Amino acid sequence: MSRVSFGTSVDFDQAVTLVAELGEEVCYLFQGEPGVGKSSMLKPLSARFPTHEVAYIDCANLDLGDIAMPFIDRELNCTKYYPNSHFKLHTGKPVIIMLDELTKASQSVQNMLLPLILERRIGDIKLPAGSLVFATGNLFGDNVGDHLKAHAKNRMDCVPFRKPNTKQWVKWAMNNNVTEEVLAFVDQYPEVMYSYMDGGQEKNKYIYNPKEQQLGFVSPRSLEKASFVIKKRKAIGDEAMLASLIGLLGEAGARDLHAFVNLDDKLPTFDSLIASPDSAPIPDDPIAICILVYKAVAHVTAQQMPKWVTYMNRLKKENQGLFARSLLESPNAKAAGCKEFIDWATQNNYIFAK
């Protein structure tokens, strides 16, 4: 089995664009490994369509009565189906409906959702004009209970959803307040973003493996959760932190990330680097430098930038390049507006071409 790749799959941003541009006419079913960010699509879609209602539907937990219920129309002497309020059709506004874990729903629930998927209606109630519908699920090869019959597939556009690569995930993580230790861990161990469908990954000890029962494994979702744990390490203690990380990332990923956390605790503080940029120590360990760089990306201000540039010029060019490229993609990009950084960027513009 080979990994879904360019031309046969989409990444997160491409999936959002497909729904935004075609979701009124085509129901996409995005299938990807556990924890790769499929459910996160609602956030950018709701931002793109601020006048729409948003309906997150957890299909795996639906029963038929959670979709619609019969209502007796005594004037017409018939029954009608009224949709459940969590579909938001009662508001009269266009709605973005995400059918999460559609492929884990019972057969009867899937069948009842087919008119919504194909005809944009629940019972006799049509969706308001401009409404978008899309679905998500795991890959059938993930062996986590997903199923879908051919007649249902033919009502949708089934598109594989690939894992982010290291660069894509780090950019997302910087914009979502993920800790520097986790950023550096992913930067230094890019194999944590590989897939079991990649060739030669049989011995990859970090990633999801559908052939094994795993306590935890490294995924974009579990890495974000690990960041929350690390932020509370002083409150919960080192032993509990490690146990929690193992539950999220598995033994190998947790212990390697734990080493990054222990290393960070021994590094000079960012404030001390700013206070003495000419003489502050430079770590010997390249991982430690990587952590410092991501710490600077997150915390440096425009007022501190001149002193940080002084310290940064003592680092290797690849470390300087990592800082500059990461800063410009981070929420802290405004700090790059000071003269000292602009002068540095002008003198080192070749770095940005790499």
Protein backbone atom coordinates (compact mmCIF):
# COMPACT_ATOMS: atom_id res chain seq x y z
CA MET A 1 0.00 0.00 0.00
CA SER A 2 1.40 3.39 -0.97
CA ARG A 3 0.69 6.69 0.66
CA VAL A 4 -2.01 8.90 -0.79
CA SER A 5 -0.03 11.62 -2.47
CA PHE A 6 -0.14 14.69 -4.67
CA GLY A 7 -2.84 14.34 -7.32
CA THR A 8 -4.67 11.56 -5.47
CA SER A 9 -5.35 13.32 -2.17
CA VAL A 10 -5.77 16.76 -0.61
CA ASP A 11 -4.23 18.53 2.34
CA PHE A 12 -6.14 20.57 4.92
CA ASP A 13 -6.22 23.85 3.01
CA GLN A 14 -7.21 22.16 -0.24
CA ALA A 15 -10.06 20.32 1.50
CA VAL A 16 -11.39 23.60 2.95
CA THR A 17 -11.26 25.20 -0.50
CA LEU A 18 -13.15 22.30 -2.09
CA VAL A 19 -15.98 22.64 0.43
CA ALA A 20 -16.06 26.43 0.15
CA GLU A 21 -16.22 26.38 -3.64
CA LEU A 22 -18.27 23.23 -4.31
CA GLY A 23 -19.92 22.21 -1.06
CA GLU A 24 -23.32 23.51 -2.16
CA GLU A 25 -23.44 21.08 -5.07
CA VAL A 26 -21.04 18.27 -4.08
CA CYS A 27 -20.79 16.49 -0.74
CA TYR A 28 -17.15 15.60 -0.16
CA LEU A 29 -16.21 12.71 2.09
CA PHE A 30 -12.66 13.32 3.33
CA GLN A 31 -11.02 10.16 4.63
CA GLY A 32 -7.76 10.23 6.54
CA GLU A 33 -5.85 8.63 9.39
CA PRO A 34 -6.87 9.28 13.00
CA GLY A 35 -5.93 12.68 14.38
CA VAL A 36 -4.80 14.40 11.17
CA GLY A 37 -7.10 17.43 11.44
CA LYS A 38 -10.25 16.54 9.49
CA SER A 39 -12.61 17.78 12.19
CA SER A 40 -10.75 21.10 12.37
CA MET A 41 -12.09 22.14 8.97
CA LEU A 42 -15.17 23.75 10.51
CA LYS A 43 -13.15 26.58 12.04
CA PRO A 44 -11.77 28.11 8.80
CA LEU A 45 -15.05 27.44 6.99
CA SER A 46 -17.07 29.29 9.65
CA ALA A 47 -14.61 32.18 9.42
CA ARG A 48 -14.97 32.22 5.62
CA PHE A 49 -18.79 32.20 5.84
CA PRO A 50 -19.58 34.31 8.91
CA THR A 51 -23.31 34.61 8.12
CA HIS A 52 -23.79 30.82 8.03
CA GLU A 53 -24.90 28.67 10.93
CA VAL A 54 -22.49 25.86 11.81
CA ALA A 55 -23.73 22.34 12.55
CA TYR A 56 -21.27 19.71 13.80
CA ILE A 57 -22.95 16.30 13.56
CA ASP A 58 -21.26 13.34 15.28
CA CYS A 59 -22.69 10.60 13.08
CA ALA A 60 -21.20 7.72 15.08
CA ASN A 61 -23.44 8.66 18.01
CA LEU A 62 -26.63 9.31 16.04
CA ASP A 63 -29.83 7.31 16.23
CA LEU A 64 -32.66 7.80 13.74
CA GLY A 65 -34.56 10.04 16.13
CA ASP A 66 -31.53 12.35 16.31
CA ILE A 67 -31.95 13.17 12.62
CA ALA A 68 -35.70 13.76 12.29
CA MET A 69 -38.94 12.79 13.99
CA PRO A 70 -42.39 12.23 12.50
CA PHE A 71 -44.94 14.96 13.15
CA ILE A 72 -48.68 14.56 12.59
CA ASP A 73 -50.18 17.20 10.32
CA ARG A 74 -53.86 16.96 11.29
CA GLU A 75 -54.98 19.42 8.62
CA LEU A 76 -53.51 17.32 5.82
CA ASN A 77 -54.05 14.00 7.61
CA CYS A 78 -50.46 12.90 7.10
CA THR A 79 -47.15 12.76 8.90
CA LYS A 80 -44.07 14.83 8.14
CA TYR A 81 -40.48 14.60 9.28
CA TYR A 82 -39.12 17.52 11.30
CA PRO A 83 -35.31 17.79 11.51
CA ASN A 84 -33.53 17.82 14.85
CA SER A 85 -32.49 21.31 15.95
CA HIS A 86 -28.78 20.46 15.88
CA PHE A 87 -28.90 20.65 12.07
CA LYS A 88 -29.77 24.37 12.54
CA LEU A 89 -32.35 24.38 9.75
CA HIS A 90 -34.91 26.10 11.99
CA THR A 91 -32.88 29.33 11.87
CA GLY A 92 -33.61 29.92 8.18
CA LYS A 93 -29.97 30.84 7.59
CA PRO A 94 -27.57 28.98 5.28
CA VAL A 95 -25.79 26.28 7.26
CA ILE A 96 -22.44 24.50 7.10
CA ILE A 97 -23.12 20.87 8.03
CA MET A 98 -20.20 18.64 8.90
CA LEU A 99 -21.10 14.95 9.06
CA ASP A 100 -18.18 13.82 11.20
CA GLU A 101 -17.38 10.09 11.36
CA LEU A 102 -20.05 9.35 8.75
CA THR A 103 -18.36 6.06 7.93
CA LYS A 104 -18.79 4.88 11.54
CA ALA A 105 -22.53 5.55 11.61
CA SER A 106 -24.98 2.64 11.65
CA GLN A 107 -26.34 1.53 8.30
CA SER A 108 -29.79 2.95 9.07
CA VAL A 109 -28.34 6.35 10.02
CA GLN A 110 -26.22 6.45 6.86
CA ASN A 111 -29.29 5.63 4.77
CA MET A 112 -31.35 8.36 6.43
CA LEU A 113 -28.60 10.91 5.78
CA LEU A 114 -28.40 10.12 2.05
CA PRO A 115 -31.12 12.64 1.06
CA LEU A 116 -29.19 15.32 2.94
CA ILE A 117 -26.00 14.33 1.14
CA LEU A 118 -27.46 14.12 -2.37
CA GLU A 119 -30.62 16.23 -2.42
CA ARG A 120 -29.85 18.69 0.39
CA ARG A 121 -32.96 17.90 2.39
CA ILE A 122 -33.99 16.20 5.63
CA GLY A 123 -37.42 14.75 5.18
CA ASP A 124 -39.38 17.42 3.31
CA ILE A 125 -37.27 20.29 4.63
CA LYS A 126 -34.82 21.67 2.09
CA LEU A 127 -31.57 23.32 3.16
CA PRO A 128 -31.47 27.10 2.70
CA ALA A 129 -29.71 28.29 -0.45
CA GLY A 130 -25.96 28.56 -0.02
CA SER A 131 -25.73 25.75 2.54
CA LEU A 132 -22.66 23.51 2.48
CA VAL A 133 -22.50 19.82 3.40
CA PHE A 134 -19.39 17.67 3.79
CA ALA A 135 -18.40 14.52 5.64
CA THR A 136 -15.32 12.98 7.22
CA GLY A 137 -14.17 9.53 8.21
CA ASN A 138 -11.15 7.32 8.62
CA LEU A 139 -9.57 5.36 5.81
CA PHE A 140 -11.03 1.89 5.43
CA GLY A 141 -7.49 0.51 5.80
CA ASP A 142 -7.17 2.13 9.25
CA ASN A 143 -9.18 -0.79 10.67
CA VAL A 144 -11.20 1.32 13.09
CA GLY A 145 -14.68 0.29 12.05
CA ASP A 146 -15.42 2.40 8.98
CA HIS A 147 -17.83 1.17 6.31
CA LEU A 148 -19.78 2.60 3.38
CA LYS A 149 -21.69 0.81 0.66
CA ALA A 150 -21.20 1.50 -3.02
CA HIS A 151 -24.57 3.20 -3.55
CA ALA A 152 -23.74 5.66 -0.74
CA LYS A 153 -20.23 6.33 -2.06
CA ASN A 154 -21.70 7.19 -5.44
CA ARG A 155 -23.68 10.05 -3.85
CA MET A 156 -20.46 11.66 -2.61
CA ASP A 157 -17.00 12.60 -3.79
CA CYS A 158 -14.69 10.42 -1.68
CA VAL A 159 -11.28 12.11 -1.45
CA PRO A 160 -8.32 10.95 0.66
CA PHE A 161 -7.14 13.54 3.20
CA ARG A 162 -3.39 13.37 3.72
CA LYS A 163 -1.40 14.14 6.84
CA PRO A 164 0.34 17.49 7.01
CA ASN A 165 4.06 17.47 6.43
CA THR A 166 6.43 18.93 9.01
CA LYS A 167 6.43 22.43 7.53
CA GLN A 168 2.63 22.57 7.27
CA TRP A 169 2.09 21.35 10.81
CA VAL A 170 4.72 23.60 12.39
CA LYS A 171 3.14 26.62 10.69
CA TRP A 172 -0.26 25.63 12.06
CA ALA A 173 1.19 24.94 15.51
CA MET A 174 2.87 28.35 15.73
CA ASN A 175 -0.49 29.95 15.04
CA ASN A 176 -2.20 27.84 17.73
CA ASN A 177 0.09 28.45 20.70
CA VAL A 178 1.82 25.04 20.70
CA THR A 179 4.87 24.96 22.96
CA GLU A 180 8.42 25.41 21.68
CA GLU A 181 9.43 21.94 22.86
CA VAL A 182 6.80 20.30 20.66
CA LEU A 183 7.72 22.51 17.70
CA ALA A 184 11.38 21.59 18.05
CA PHE A 185 10.51 17.89 18.46
CA VAL A 186 8.59 17.82 15.17
CA ASP A 187 11.28 19.91 13.46
CA GLN A 188 14.00 17.48 14.53
CA TYR A 189 11.96 14.29 14.03
CA PRO A 190 10.09 14.82 10.74
CA GLU A 191 9.31 11.09 10.60
CA VAL A 192 6.55 11.66 13.15
CA MET A 193 4.53 13.13 10.27
CA TYR A 194 5.07 10.14 7.99
CA SER A 195 2.22 7.73 7.28
CA TYR A 196 1.94 3.98 7.65
CA MET A 197 1.14 4.05 3.93
CA ASP A 198 4.58 5.46 3.10
CA GLY A 199 7.03 2.90 1.87
CA GLY A 200 9.60 1.72 4.39
CA GLN A 201 7.72 2.79 7.53
CA GLU A 202 7.39 -0.67 9.05
CA LYS A 203 9.91 0.26 11.76
CA ASN A 204 8.63 3.78 12.40
CA LYS A 205 8.01 3.64 16.15
CA TYR A 206 6.09 6.92 16.35
CA ILE A 207 3.16 6.77 13.94
CA TYR A 208 -0.23 5.08 13.79
CA ASN A 209 -0.02 1.41 12.83
CA PRO A 210 -3.35 -0.30 12.03
CA LYS A 211 -1.72 -3.71 12.52
CA GLU A 212 -0.99 -3.13 16.22
CA GLN A 213 -2.86 -2.27 19.39
CA GLN A 214 -1.27 1.02 20.46
CA LEU A 215 -1.63 2.86 23.76
CA GLY A 216 -0.88 6.09 21.92
CA PHE A 217 0.80 7.35 18.77
CA VAL A 218 2.04 10.65 17.38
CA SER A 219 -0.53 12.57 15.34
CA PRO A 220 -1.24 16.28 14.83
CA ARG A 221 -4.07 15.95 17.37
CA SER A 222 -2.03 14.16 20.05
CA LEU A 223 0.85 16.62 19.63
CA GLU A 224 -1.48 19.53 20.37
CA LYS A 225 -2.74 17.71 23.48
CA ALA A 226 0.85 17.03 24.53
CA SER A 227 1.50 20.78 24.39
CA PHE A 228 -1.25 21.34 26.98
CA VAL A 229 0.38 18.73 29.25
CA ILE A 230 3.84 20.31 28.93
CA LYS A 231 2.51 23.75 29.83
CA LYS A 232 1.28 22.32 33.15
CA ARG A 233 4.43 20.31 33.93
CA LYS A 234 5.32 22.30 37.05
CA ALA A 235 1.85 21.79 38.48
CA ILE A 236 1.53 18.07 37.74
CA GLY A 237 5.15 16.97 38.21
CA ASP A 238 7.58 15.20 35.92
CA GLU A 239 6.37 11.65 36.57
CA ALA A 240 2.72 12.44 35.83
CA MET A 241 3.73 14.47 32.80
CA LEU A 242 5.64 11.54 31.31
CA ALA A 243 2.78 9.11 32.00
CA SER A 244 0.36 11.52 30.34
CA LEU A 245 2.63 11.97 27.32
CA ILE A 246 2.94 8.18 26.90
CA GLY A 247 -0.85 7.91 26.84
CA LEU A 248 -0.98 10.52 24.09
CA LEU A 249 2.08 9.75 21.98
CA GLY A 250 3.10 6.21 22.80
CA GLU A 251 6.30 5.18 24.57
CA ALA A 252 8.80 6.22 21.90
CA GLY A 253 7.30 9.61 21.08
CA ALA A 254 6.71 10.48 24.73
CA ARG A 255 10.22 9.68 25.90
CA ASP A 256 11.85 11.56 23.04
CA LEU A 257 9.64 14.61 23.63
CA HIS A 258 10.29 14.32 27.37
CA ALA A 259 14.00 14.68 26.62
CA PHE A 260 13.25 17.95 24.80
CA VAL A 261 11.32 19.21 27.83
CA ASN A 262 14.16 18.33 30.21
CA LEU A 263 16.62 20.07 27.89
CA ASP A 264 14.48 23.21 27.76
CA ASP A 265 14.37 23.38 31.55
CA LYS A 266 18.18 23.63 31.57
CA LEU A 267 18.46 26.33 28.90
CA PRO A 268 19.12 30.00 29.63
CA THR A 269 15.94 32.02 29.68
CA PHE A 270 15.00 34.16 26.71
CA ASP A 271 15.17 37.26 28.94
CA SER A 272 18.77 36.45 29.84
CA LEU A 273 19.69 36.27 26.14
CA ILE A 274 18.13 39.68 25.56
CA ALA A 275 19.91 41.12 28.60
CA SER A 276 23.37 39.97 27.42
CA PRO A 277 23.20 39.17 23.69
CA ASP A 278 26.98 39.49 23.18
CA SER A 279 27.94 37.12 25.99
CA ALA A 280 24.93 34.86 26.67
CA PRO A 281 25.88 31.19 26.18
CA ILE A 282 25.15 29.37 22.96
CA PRO A 283 24.12 25.75 23.57
CA ASP A 284 26.25 23.00 22.08
CA ASP A 285 23.24 20.79 21.37
CA PRO A 286 21.52 21.57 18.02
CA ILE A 287 18.17 20.54 19.54
CA ALA A 288 18.64 23.10 22.31
CA ILE A 289 19.33 25.80 19.73
CA CYS A 290 16.19 24.77 17.84
CA ILE A 291 14.14 25.19 21.02
CA LEU A 292 15.68 28.62 21.64
CA VAL A 293 14.88 29.70 18.10
CA TYR A 294 11.21 28.72 18.40
CA LYS A 295 11.09 30.43 21.81
CA ALA A 296 12.36 33.61 20.18
CA VAL A 297 9.79 33.32 17.38
CA ALA A 298 7.00 33.19 19.96
CA HIS A 299 8.24 35.82 22.40
CA VAL A 300 10.50 38.41 20.77
CA THR A 301 9.04 41.90 20.50
CA ALA A 302 9.95 44.65 18.08
CA GLN A 303 11.72 46.43 20.96
CA GLN A 304 13.75 43.30 21.78
CA MET A 305 14.55 42.46 18.17
CA PRO A 306 17.81 44.48 17.93
CA LYS A 307 19.32 42.52 20.83
CA TRP A 308 17.97 39.22 19.55
CA VAL A 309 19.54 39.91 16.13
CA THR A 310 22.86 40.47 17.92
CA TYR A 311 22.56 37.09 19.63
CA MET A 312 21.19 35.39 16.51
CA ASN A 313 24.19 36.51 14.44
CA ARG A 314 26.32 34.29 16.67
CA LEU A 315 24.32 31.23 15.57
CA LYS A 316 24.83 29.18 12.42
CA LYS A 317 23.16 30.43 9.28
CA GLU A 318 20.71 27.52 9.18
CA ASN A 319 19.49 28.51 12.66
CA GLN A 320 19.15 32.13 11.58
CA GLY A 321 17.17 31.02 8.54
CA LEU A 322 14.87 28.87 10.67
CA PHE A 323 14.12 31.87 12.88
CA ALA A 324 13.47 34.26 10.00
CA ARG A 325 11.23 31.95 7.97
CA SER A 326 9.31 30.81 11.05
CA LEU A 327 8.82 34.35 12.34
CA LEU A 328 7.27 35.52 9.09
CA GLU A 329 4.72 32.67 9.22
CA SER A 330 3.88 33.15 12.90
CA PRO A 331 1.36 35.40 14.69
CA ASN A 332 4.37 37.41 15.88
CA ALA A 333 5.37 38.48 12.35
CA LYS A 334 4.92 42.16 13.22
CA ALA A 335 8.15 41.95 15.23
CA ALA A 336 10.02 41.67 11.92
CA GLY A 337 9.23 45.32 11.15
CA CYS A 338 12.16 46.82 13.03
CA LYS A 339 15.20 48.24 11.21
CA GLU A 340 17.71 45.72 12.61
CA PHE A 341 15.79 42.72 11.32
CA ILE A 342 15.15 44.38 7.95
CA ASP A 343 18.88 45.11 7.63
CA TRP A 344 19.70 41.50 8.54
CA ALA A 345 17.13 40.19 6.01
CA THR A 346 18.59 42.43 3.28
CA GLN A 347 22.08 41.11 3.91
CA ASN A 348 20.89 37.50 4.06
CA ASN A 349 18.13 37.49 1.45
CA TYR A 350 19.45 34.24 -0.06
CA ILE A 351 18.13 32.43 3.03
CA PHE A 352 14.53 33.16 2.04
CA ALA A 353 15.00 31.48 -1.32
CA LYS A 354 15.77 28.12 0.31
